[in-house]
Amino acid sequence: MGSIARIEVTDGNPVAALQGFCARLLADGEISAVLAPRRLPGNGGTMPALVADPEQFHDVDPLAPSFRLSAARMLTRLTRGADEGGLVAALLRPCEVRAFIELCKLNQGSLENTLLVSLDCPGAFTNADTGRFSGNRGNAEALLGFLRADGRGDFDGMQIARACRTCEHPTGAEADLSICLFGQDPAKGLLLMANTPRGEGFMTRLGLPEASDDGARAKALDVLLTERRAAQEQMFAETTAATSDMSGLSTFLSACVNCYNCRTACPVCYCKECVFLTDVFEHKPWQYMSWARQRGALKMPTDTVFFHLTRLAHMSTACVGCGQCSNACPNDVPVMELFKTIAASTQKAFDYEAGRDPGEAPPLSVFREHEFTELTGGLD
C-alpha cells in the first residue's frame, strides 16, 4: 500500500470535494483535461465528459450511482498515439479501469498518456432505475445514505444492477490513485491512496494532508466481498442450468432482436468492422423460405444465438463483467449473466483475469508449451 492523503469535505458535501479535487488536478501543469462523469440535464444520471475549463466542474459527479456508458473506450480515443495533447486525468469506476487496461494491451490506448484515478465503487443502478434515484439528487442525504451502505442494501425498493451485486472488484487497485469510500463517512472526508510511482508523484504535488488507514475500509470490503461472491456463485449456477443445452440457450436469448446494442455498449469490443454488419448475414429471400420449410417455422430475426456465440468466442477472455451489455438491452435479455458466467470459466482456465495486470499478455496472444495438457496429452 502506498501513501495515503485526505480529501477534505466541507458542509457534508463529498461531491463538491471531488469537484475541487478535479480542479486541483487540472491546475497541475502536466494535466491537460479531466475525464469524469458529468450530470445530464433533468434526471438522466451522468455521462463521461472531458473537462478542460476549471469553471466547468460544477456538474461533475463521480459519486452518482449512474453508469450509462463505460468511459474506457472513450479514454482510448484520448490517449492513443502521440502524447502531444498532454496527460488526461480520468476518474473511472474499477471496471472501467480494468477495461481500459485490457484495451491498452490490445494497442487501442496508452497508459503512458493518462493518470488513472479510481473510486471505491458501491455500484450503480440500471438505466431504468437511474432516473428514479436521480430524482432525489438534490437531496444530499439520499446520496450519503447510498454511499454509507458500502454497496449493500435496498434503496426505496431499488437494488443496484446485478453486475454490481456480483462484482468481486469494487476497488481500483490497478489505478494510479484510489479514492477510498468503503468504511468511511463521506460527509466527513475521503481517503486518497497512491498505487503507483506516478500516483505518488501527483499526490505529493497536490499537497493534500497526510492520513492513515484505520482498517475500517478492509473490514467493510471483506463483508461486501463475502456477499458478492455468494451472489456471484448463485448467478453462475442459475445461468449454467438455464443454458446447458442449445434449447436452453435459445430460450435464454429468445428476446434478442439483433439490435447490437450490447456490442456497442461493451467497452472492450473494439473491432472496426463487425462481421454481423457485412453482407455475410444479408440473406436472400429464398434462403429464409427454405429454412422455414425445413423447420416448419423460423424465428425472425435469424442469427441471434449465433451473434452471441460469436461475441462469446471473441470476448470471454477480455470481459470485465461491467454489465453494460445488459444495461443497453432494450428487451432485458440477461446478456451479462451469460457473458460473465462463461468469462469466469474461460479466464480461470487460462489463469488470467482481464485488466488485472498491464504486463500480462492476453491468453490467445501467447503460446505456452505445457498448457491444457489434459487435452493435448503433453508435448515431448
Protein backbone atom coordinates (compact mmCIF):
# COMPACT_ATOMS: atom_id res chain seq x y z
CA MET A 1 0.00 0.00 0.00
CA GLY A 2 1.30 3.44 -0.95
CA SER A 3 0.98 6.84 0.69
CA ILE A 4 -2.43 7.99 1.94
CA ALA A 5 -3.76 11.55 1.96
CA ARG A 6 -7.08 13.10 2.91
CA ILE A 7 -9.52 14.93 0.67
CA GLU A 8 -11.27 17.36 2.99
CA VAL A 9 -15.07 17.52 2.82
CA THR A 10 -16.88 20.68 3.91
CA ASP A 11 -20.57 21.11 4.68
CA GLY A 12 -21.02 17.34 4.38
CA ASN A 13 -20.77 17.53 0.58
CA PRO A 14 -18.36 14.91 -0.87
CA VAL A 15 -19.42 15.70 -4.44
CA ALA A 16 -18.21 19.29 -4.07
CA ALA A 17 -14.99 17.96 -2.53
CA LEU A 18 -14.35 15.80 -5.60
CA GLN A 19 -15.17 18.69 -7.91
CA GLY A 20 -12.46 20.64 -6.10
CA PHE A 21 -10.12 17.66 -6.38
CA CYS A 22 -10.66 17.61 -10.15
CA ALA A 23 -9.91 21.32 -10.32
CA ARG A 24 -6.65 20.76 -8.42
CA LEU A 25 -5.69 18.03 -10.88
CA LEU A 26 -6.35 20.34 -13.82
CA ALA A 27 -4.27 23.07 -12.17
CA ASP A 28 -1.24 20.76 -12.39
CA GLY A 29 0.73 21.76 -15.47
CA GLU A 30 1.03 18.15 -16.60
CA ILE A 31 -2.74 17.56 -16.84
CA SER A 32 -4.48 18.92 -19.94
CA ALA A 33 -8.03 17.78 -19.19
CA VAL A 34 -10.06 15.63 -16.81
CA LEU A 35 -12.40 12.87 -17.97
CA ALA A 36 -15.13 12.41 -15.38
CA PRO A 37 -18.86 11.65 -15.08
CA ARG A 38 -20.96 14.79 -15.55
CA ARG A 39 -24.64 15.20 -14.76
CA LEU A 40 -27.05 15.18 -17.66
CA PRO A 41 -29.94 17.68 -17.81
CA GLY A 42 -33.04 16.60 -15.94
CA ASN A 43 -32.87 13.29 -14.12
CA GLY A 44 -30.81 11.48 -16.70
CA GLY A 45 -27.91 10.49 -14.47
CA THR A 46 -24.37 11.03 -15.76
CA MET A 47 -22.25 10.57 -18.87
CA PRO A 48 -18.46 10.91 -19.33
CA ALA A 49 -17.27 14.42 -20.13
CA LEU A 50 -13.85 15.81 -20.97
CA VAL A 51 -13.38 18.98 -18.92
CA ALA A 52 -10.63 21.44 -19.78
CA ASP A 53 -12.07 24.54 -18.11
CA PRO A 54 -11.86 24.65 -14.28
CA GLU A 55 -15.14 26.60 -14.24
CA GLN A 56 -16.98 23.59 -15.71
CA PHE A 57 -16.57 21.15 -12.84
CA HIS A 58 -19.82 22.25 -11.15
CA ASP A 59 -21.78 19.40 -12.77
CA VAL A 60 -19.11 16.71 -12.35
CA ASP A 61 -20.45 13.94 -10.11
CA PRO A 62 -18.21 10.85 -9.78
CA LEU A 63 -20.31 9.56 -6.87
CA ALA A 64 -23.64 9.33 -8.68
CA PRO A 65 -24.86 5.70 -8.90
CA SER A 66 -25.34 6.14 -12.64
CA PHE A 67 -23.49 4.10 -15.26
CA ARG A 68 -24.98 4.79 -18.68
CA LEU A 69 -21.71 4.32 -20.56
CA SER A 70 -18.30 2.88 -19.79
CA ALA A 71 -15.66 5.57 -20.36
CA ALA A 72 -12.92 3.04 -21.14
CA ARG A 73 -13.26 3.19 -24.91
CA MET A 74 -13.65 6.99 -24.78
CA LEU A 75 -10.31 7.14 -22.96
CA THR A 76 -8.60 5.13 -25.70
CA ARG A 77 -9.56 7.84 -28.20
CA LEU A 78 -7.90 10.43 -25.97
CA THR A 79 -4.67 8.54 -25.31
CA ARG A 80 -3.94 6.55 -28.46
CA GLY A 81 -0.86 7.73 -30.35
CA ALA A 82 1.47 10.60 -29.51
CA ASP A 83 1.13 12.39 -26.17
CA GLU A 84 1.22 15.84 -27.74
CA GLY A 85 -2.07 16.72 -26.07
CA GLY A 86 -0.68 16.16 -22.59
CA LEU A 87 -1.91 13.85 -19.86
CA VAL A 88 -5.59 13.12 -19.36
CA ALA A 89 -6.68 12.53 -15.77
CA ALA A 90 -9.56 10.03 -15.79
CA LEU A 91 -11.90 9.37 -12.85
CA LEU A 92 -13.19 5.87 -13.51
CA ARG A 93 -15.05 3.02 -11.86
CA PRO A 94 -12.85 -0.04 -11.18
CA CYS A 95 -14.43 -1.98 -14.08
CA GLU A 96 -13.66 0.95 -16.40
CA VAL A 97 -10.03 0.92 -15.25
CA ARG A 98 -9.76 -2.81 -15.97
CA ALA A 99 -11.45 -2.43 -19.36
CA PHE A 100 -9.05 0.38 -20.29
CA ILE A 101 -6.05 -1.72 -19.24
CA GLU A 102 -7.34 -4.56 -21.41
CA LEU A 103 -7.75 -2.20 -24.36
CA CYS A 104 -4.21 -0.90 -23.88
CA LYS A 105 -2.94 -4.49 -24.13
CA LEU A 106 -4.73 -4.64 -27.49
CA ASN A 107 -2.93 -1.45 -28.60
CA GLN A 108 -6.11 0.64 -28.51
CA GLY A 109 -4.95 3.15 -25.89
CA SER A 110 -1.93 4.22 -23.86
CA LEU A 111 -1.38 4.03 -20.13
CA GLU A 112 1.50 6.46 -20.58
CA ASN A 113 -0.86 9.25 -21.59
CA THR A 114 -3.27 9.10 -18.68
CA LEU A 115 -3.44 9.44 -14.92
CA LEU A 116 -5.92 6.82 -13.76
CA VAL A 117 -7.96 7.74 -10.69
CA SER A 118 -10.46 5.19 -9.44
CA LEU A 119 -13.08 5.30 -6.73
CA ASP A 120 -14.28 2.54 -4.45
CA CYS A 121 -17.46 1.53 -6.24
CA PRO A 122 -20.64 0.76 -4.28
CA GLY A 123 -22.31 0.02 -7.62
CA ALA A 124 -24.81 1.71 -9.88
CA PHE A 125 -28.46 1.36 -10.76
CA THR A 126 -29.72 0.14 -14.09
CA ASN A 127 -30.65 2.77 -16.66
CA ALA A 128 -34.30 2.20 -15.79
CA ASP A 129 -33.72 2.95 -12.09
CA THR A 130 -31.14 5.70 -12.52
CA GLY A 131 -33.80 8.32 -13.22
CA ARG A 132 -35.78 7.32 -10.14
CA PHE A 133 -32.76 7.75 -7.89
CA SER A 134 -31.50 10.84 -9.70
CA GLY A 135 -34.85 12.48 -9.00
CA ASN A 136 -33.60 12.79 -5.43
CA ARG A 137 -30.19 14.14 -6.39
CA GLY A 138 -31.00 17.48 -4.76
CA ASN A 139 -31.31 15.58 -1.50
CA ALA A 140 -27.73 15.11 -0.32
CA GLU A 141 -28.89 12.67 2.35
CA ALA A 142 -30.10 10.23 -0.33
CA LEU A 143 -26.62 10.06 -1.84
CA LEU A 144 -24.90 9.91 1.54
CA GLY A 145 -27.17 7.05 2.58
CA PHE A 146 -26.29 5.19 -0.60
CA LEU A 147 -22.55 5.70 -0.08
CA ARG A 148 -22.64 4.74 3.60
CA ALA A 149 -24.25 1.41 2.69
CA ASP A 150 -20.95 0.37 1.07
CA GLY A 151 -22.61 -1.32 -1.90
CA ARG A 152 -25.18 -3.22 0.14
CA GLY A 153 -28.89 -2.84 0.71
CA ASP A 154 -32.18 -1.82 -0.84
CA PHE A 155 -32.86 1.81 -1.73
CA ASP A 156 -36.53 2.75 -1.91
CA GLY A 157 -37.34 -0.61 -3.47
CA MET A 158 -34.38 -0.49 -5.86
CA GLN A 159 -31.21 -2.55 -5.91
CA ILE A 160 -28.03 -1.82 -7.81
CA ALA A 161 -27.59 -3.69 -11.10
CA ARG A 162 -26.91 -7.43 -10.86
CA ALA A 163 -23.49 -6.94 -12.45
CA CYS A 164 -22.62 -4.73 -9.48
CA ARG A 165 -24.18 -7.09 -6.91
CA THR A 166 -21.91 -9.87 -8.22
CA CYS A 167 -18.74 -7.79 -8.73
CA GLU A 168 -15.58 -9.03 -6.98
CA HIS A 169 -13.52 -5.96 -7.91
CA PRO A 170 -15.13 -2.89 -6.31
CA THR A 171 -11.80 -1.15 -5.68
CA GLY A 172 -9.44 0.24 -8.30
CA ALA A 173 -6.06 -1.03 -7.13
CA GLU A 174 -4.86 -1.01 -10.76
CA ALA A 175 -5.25 2.80 -10.98
CA ASP A 176 -2.54 5.33 -10.16
CA LEU A 177 -4.69 6.81 -7.40
CA SER A 178 -7.63 5.35 -5.48
CA ILE A 179 -10.32 7.38 -3.75
CA CYS A 180 -11.41 5.24 -0.80
CA LEU A 181 -15.08 5.27 0.18
CA PHE A 182 -15.69 1.93 1.89
CA GLY A 183 -15.73 2.08 5.66
CA GLN A 184 -15.59 5.89 5.58
CA ASP A 185 -18.13 8.58 6.36
CA PRO A 186 -18.14 10.51 3.07
CA ALA A 187 -19.67 13.53 4.77
CA LYS A 188 -16.52 13.96 6.86
CA GLY A 189 -13.67 13.17 4.48
CA LEU A 190 -12.31 10.86 1.79
CA LEU A 191 -9.03 8.96 1.66
CA LEU A 192 -6.75 9.16 -1.35
CA MET A 193 -4.30 6.29 -1.83
CA ALA A 194 -1.33 6.12 -4.22
CA ASN A 195 -0.87 2.79 -6.01
CA THR A 196 1.94 3.63 -8.47
CA PRO A 197 5.01 5.88 -8.61
CA ARG A 198 3.08 8.22 -10.90
CA GLY A 199 0.29 8.35 -8.34
CA GLU A 200 2.79 9.08 -5.57
CA GLY A 201 4.21 11.97 -7.57
CA PHE A 202 0.83 13.57 -8.17
CA MET A 203 -0.24 13.09 -4.57
CA THR A 204 2.87 14.92 -3.40
CA ARG A 205 2.25 17.79 -5.82
CA LEU A 206 -1.41 18.10 -4.80
CA GLY A 207 -0.28 18.97 -1.28
CA LEU A 208 -3.12 17.17 0.47
CA PRO A 209 -2.82 16.48 4.21
CA GLU A 210 -1.43 13.08 5.14
CA ALA A 211 -3.76 10.46 6.57
CA SER A 212 -3.66 6.89 7.84
CA ASP A 213 -5.76 3.79 7.27
CA ASP A 214 -7.52 2.63 10.44
CA GLY A 215 -8.58 -0.69 8.89
CA ALA A 216 -12.25 0.25 8.51
CA ARG A 217 -12.03 0.03 4.73
CA ALA A 218 -10.63 -3.51 4.77
CA LYS A 219 -13.36 -4.67 7.18
CA ALA A 220 -16.14 -3.15 5.08
CA LEU A 221 -14.65 -4.63 1.94
CA ASP A 222 -14.43 -8.09 3.48
CA VAL A 223 -18.15 -8.04 4.36
CA LEU A 224 -19.07 -6.76 0.90
CA LEU A 225 -16.99 -9.34 -0.97
CA THR A 226 -18.43 -12.22 1.08
CA GLU A 227 -21.94 -11.21 0.00
CA ARG A 228 -20.98 -10.55 -3.61
CA ARG A 229 -19.13 -13.85 -4.06
CA ALA A 230 -22.15 -15.74 -2.77
CA ALA A 231 -24.40 -13.81 -5.15
CA GLN A 232 -21.98 -14.49 -7.99
CA GLU A 233 -21.95 -18.24 -7.36
CA GLN A 234 -25.73 -18.27 -7.32
CA MET A 235 -25.84 -16.38 -10.63
CA PHE A 236 -23.32 -18.75 -12.22
CA ALA A 237 -25.35 -21.78 -11.11
CA GLU A 238 -28.64 -20.33 -12.39
CA THR A 239 -27.17 -19.28 -15.73
CA THR A 240 -25.34 -22.57 -16.28
CA ALA A 241 -28.52 -24.53 -15.61
CA ALA A 242 -30.55 -22.32 -17.94
CA THR A 243 -28.09 -22.52 -20.85
CA SER A 244 -26.78 -26.08 -20.52
CA ASP A 245 -28.00 -27.10 -23.99
CA MET A 246 -28.88 -25.37 -27.25
CA SER A 247 -32.59 -25.39 -26.48
CA GLY A 248 -31.99 -23.66 -23.16
CA LEU A 249 -29.59 -21.17 -24.71
CA SER A 250 -32.11 -20.33 -27.44
CA THR A 251 -34.77 -19.73 -24.80
CA PHE A 252 -32.37 -17.61 -22.71
CA LEU A 253 -31.66 -15.38 -25.74
CA SER A 254 -35.11 -15.59 -27.33
CA ALA A 255 -35.98 -11.90 -26.88
CA CYS A 256 -32.85 -10.74 -28.75
CA VAL A 257 -33.70 -8.57 -31.78
CA ASN A 258 -30.16 -8.21 -33.16
CA CYS A 259 -30.02 -4.51 -32.33
CA TYR A 260 -26.34 -4.99 -31.41
CA ASN A 261 -26.67 -2.55 -28.51
CA CYS A 262 -24.72 -4.98 -26.32
CA ARG A 263 -21.82 -4.95 -28.74
CA THR A 264 -21.88 -1.15 -28.96
CA ALA A 265 -22.01 -0.73 -25.19
CA CYS A 266 -19.27 -3.29 -24.46
CA PRO A 267 -16.12 -1.35 -23.52
CA VAL A 268 -13.69 -4.00 -24.78
CA CYS A 269 -15.43 -4.84 -28.08
CA TYR A 270 -13.21 -2.77 -30.34
CA CYS A 271 -13.38 -4.26 -33.87
CA LYS A 272 -13.56 -1.56 -36.52
CA GLU A 273 -15.87 -3.71 -38.64
CA CYS A 274 -18.21 -6.33 -37.23
CA VAL A 275 -18.87 -9.38 -39.38
CA PHE A 276 -22.56 -9.13 -38.48
CA LEU A 277 -22.75 -5.79 -40.29
CA THR A 278 -21.34 -7.19 -43.52
CA ASP A 279 -23.23 -8.84 -46.37
CA VAL A 280 -22.41 -12.28 -44.89
CA PHE A 281 -25.66 -12.02 -42.95
CA GLU A 282 -27.73 -10.32 -45.63
CA HIS A 283 -29.64 -13.47 -46.51
CA LYS A 284 -31.70 -13.81 -49.69
CA PRO A 285 -35.50 -14.25 -49.57
CA TRP A 286 -35.24 -17.79 -50.92
CA GLN A 287 -32.92 -18.73 -48.05
CA TYR A 288 -35.45 -17.63 -45.44
CA MET A 289 -38.19 -19.55 -47.26
CA SER A 290 -36.03 -22.66 -47.47
CA TRP A 291 -35.17 -22.59 -43.76
CA ALA A 292 -38.82 -22.01 -42.86
CA ARG A 293 -39.91 -25.01 -44.95
CA GLN A 294 -37.19 -27.20 -43.41
CA ARG A 295 -38.11 -26.31 -39.83
CA GLY A 296 -41.79 -25.56 -40.18
CA ALA A 297 -41.28 -22.14 -38.56
CA LEU A 298 -38.35 -19.74 -38.49
CA LYS A 299 -37.71 -17.23 -35.70
CA MET A 300 -37.15 -13.75 -37.04
CA PRO A 301 -34.71 -12.11 -36.95
CA THR A 302 -32.35 -15.00 -37.55
CA ASP A 303 -28.77 -15.47 -36.31
CA THR A 304 -29.41 -14.05 -32.84
CA VAL A 305 -27.91 -17.02 -30.99
CA PHE A 306 -25.02 -17.19 -33.45
CA PHE A 307 -24.32 -13.50 -32.82
CA HIS A 308 -23.95 -14.04 -29.07
CA LEU A 309 -21.88 -17.21 -29.51
CA THR A 310 -19.52 -15.29 -31.80
CA ARG A 311 -19.21 -12.48 -29.26
CA LEU A 312 -18.54 -15.01 -26.51
CA ALA A 313 -15.73 -16.53 -28.57
CA HIS A 314 -14.25 -13.06 -29.08
CA MET A 315 -14.82 -11.57 -25.66
CA SER A 316 -14.71 -14.24 -22.95
CA THR A 317 -11.03 -13.66 -22.16
CA ALA A 318 -11.47 -9.86 -22.14
CA CYS A 319 -14.82 -9.47 -20.34
CA VAL A 320 -14.56 -7.39 -17.14
CA GLY A 321 -18.15 -8.03 -16.05
CA CYS A 322 -19.24 -4.37 -16.11
CA GLY A 323 -22.80 -5.24 -17.13
CA GLN A 324 -23.10 -2.61 -19.84
CA CYS A 325 -24.36 -5.25 -22.29
CA SER A 326 -27.45 -5.98 -20.18
CA ASN A 327 -27.87 -2.30 -19.34
CA ALA A 328 -28.10 -1.46 -23.05
CA CYS A 329 -30.54 -4.24 -24.00
CA PRO A 330 -33.99 -2.89 -24.91
CA ASN A 331 -35.66 -6.26 -24.20
CA ASP A 332 -33.95 -7.07 -20.89
CA VAL A 333 -32.08 -10.11 -22.20
CA PRO A 334 -29.74 -11.10 -19.33
CA VAL A 335 -26.64 -10.86 -21.53
CA MET A 336 -24.34 -10.01 -18.64
CA GLU A 337 -25.23 -13.19 -16.75
CA LEU A 338 -24.25 -15.34 -19.73
CA PHE A 339 -21.06 -13.45 -20.60
CA LYS A 340 -19.84 -13.19 -17.02
CA THR A 341 -20.50 -16.89 -16.38
CA ILE A 342 -18.63 -18.01 -19.49
CA ALA A 343 -15.84 -15.45 -18.97
CA ALA A 344 -15.23 -16.67 -15.42
CA SER A 345 -14.69 -20.23 -16.69
CA THR A 346 -12.55 -19.16 -19.65
CA GLN A 347 -10.32 -16.84 -17.65
CA LYS A 348 -9.92 -19.43 -14.88
CA ALA A 349 -8.80 -21.99 -17.47
CA PHE A 350 -6.08 -19.62 -18.66
CA ASP A 351 -5.22 -18.40 -15.13
CA TYR A 352 -5.97 -14.95 -16.46
CA GLU A 353 -8.03 -12.03 -15.25
CA ALA A 354 -8.98 -9.27 -17.66
CA GLY A 355 -7.47 -5.94 -16.60
CA ARG A 356 -5.56 -7.39 -13.67
CA ASP A 357 -2.03 -6.53 -14.80
CA PRO A 358 -0.95 -4.27 -17.69
CA GLY A 359 2.08 -6.51 -18.25
CA GLU A 360 0.06 -9.72 -18.52
CA ALA A 361 -0.40 -10.73 -22.16
CA PRO A 362 -3.92 -11.72 -23.32
CA PRO A 363 -4.18 -15.55 -23.34
CA LEU A 364 -4.71 -16.01 -27.07
CA SER A 365 -1.71 -13.83 -27.94
CA VAL A 366 0.89 -16.17 -26.43
CA PHE A 367 1.80 -19.85 -26.75
CA ARG A 368 2.55 -21.88 -23.65
CA GLU A 369 4.04 -25.27 -24.37
CA HIS A 370 2.56 -27.07 -21.38
CA GLU A 371 -0.91 -25.53 -21.44
CA PHE A 372 -4.03 -27.75 -21.30
CA THR A 373 -2.07 -30.98 -21.12
CA GLU A 374 -5.25 -32.77 -20.10
CA LEU A 375 -6.44 -32.18 -23.67
CA THR A 376 -3.17 -32.39 -25.62
CA GLY A 377 -1.60 -35.19 -23.66
CA GLY A 378 1.53 -33.10 -23.19
CA LEU A 379 4.39 -32.36 -25.56
CA ASP A 380 7.77 -34.08 -25.60
